[in-house]
């Protein structure tokens, strides 16, 4: 039989761009397999198939805008995957008799708002329950959009947003301590000419993500300096030869190489905090994101498996990804999977800054313009080229002493070019 797969409930979003189509005509897919990626104003999300079968037609293309109910593709299958959607409304309750409260059990005393009350009567994974407890959302008041009414993390985030926005609009503080007093609206036209300028789409998308990271992560920034005098001399030699072959060798290539070595020695910086908040996810791969300044805003392409690449390959990939970012040709896969990010302002200036950690990563390295400075060598002051380092980290995963050790490792590697080849 023929099955139509449509965009499910994606919250309050409409006209969401399709950034990647993940299947092709003729593919055999299972229920819940991802079929397209959508880019909302919060993040990139995968849309799973509501049924299993063979892809017969694909009705969307990259760049199309879709909303809830838009037709994505047509499957040829037996329709088994759609059976749960035809269950009567009481079916979900019948499936989980243990969640029923016996009639002879006295009703519990009223529980405080946004606690664990009702958690036993809802359909949600342990990680979602842990997240809901952390942000003080009562799951019994959340509508699940997952299969069979399962509550997803996105559902909890939507409930949290709905809870805080009305309070902000009224000038109050949301209950539970999660609200923030709003910035009062000001009519600037009273003071002089004004003009509303539409923000680039990249900033509209990245803004909420940065705001979320800043509010959820206890940021600390450790500042240090690395002596790159010898490294820069070697870099210039490499760059001269690279120009003849159509690419450039920048300091960022060396910093990426050094960062991978430092991440291997201090694995916590290459980790993520587990959704339950009690563990770190240790990663055995090294994907380094780098901030690229484009006419449309900041983008973060990712050098995949940087630990397996040499300086020349990293330099070529940096140039290719930076060019694609400036021209607007980056694919979503080019910006996914980073374990550590580097944001370089070296070509512009500055002495230090506080880069915002790109969650779910736990650290980000900021670079500003290197400068010649007098450095005491034990006998006299000598001119050395010093590179400022600004390491922001999530204090839940990394403490100050470990951050200092990471920077010592990093500047030792940058200070002795030979160690980068180990």
Foldseek 3Di string as FASTA:
>chain_A
DKDWWWFAAPDPDFQWFWQAADDDQFDWDAFQCFGTWTFDLAGIDTGTTQHTAGFHFADDDGGGTGHHGHTGTMGDDDCPSCVQVPDPPCVLCVVCVVLDDDPPDDDDDDDDALAAPPVSNAAEDPLLSLLSRVQSHHCVPWFARDRSRYRDNSRSVSVSCVQAVVCCVVQHAGPPRPHDGDDDDDDCVVPHDDDDDDAFSVCSNVVVLLVVLVSPFPKDKDKDKFFQFVVVVVQVVVQVVVVVVPFGQDVVLLLLLLLVVLCVVVVLQLWFQRSSRPDIGGDPWAKEWEWAQAPNGIATFIDGRSVPDDSVVSRVVVVVVNVCVRVVNDRPVRRDDHREYEYEQQVPADQEDGDRDRPRGFKYKYWYHWDWDFDDPPPGTDTTTMIMIMMMGGCSRDPPVSVVVSVVSSSVCSRDVVVSVD
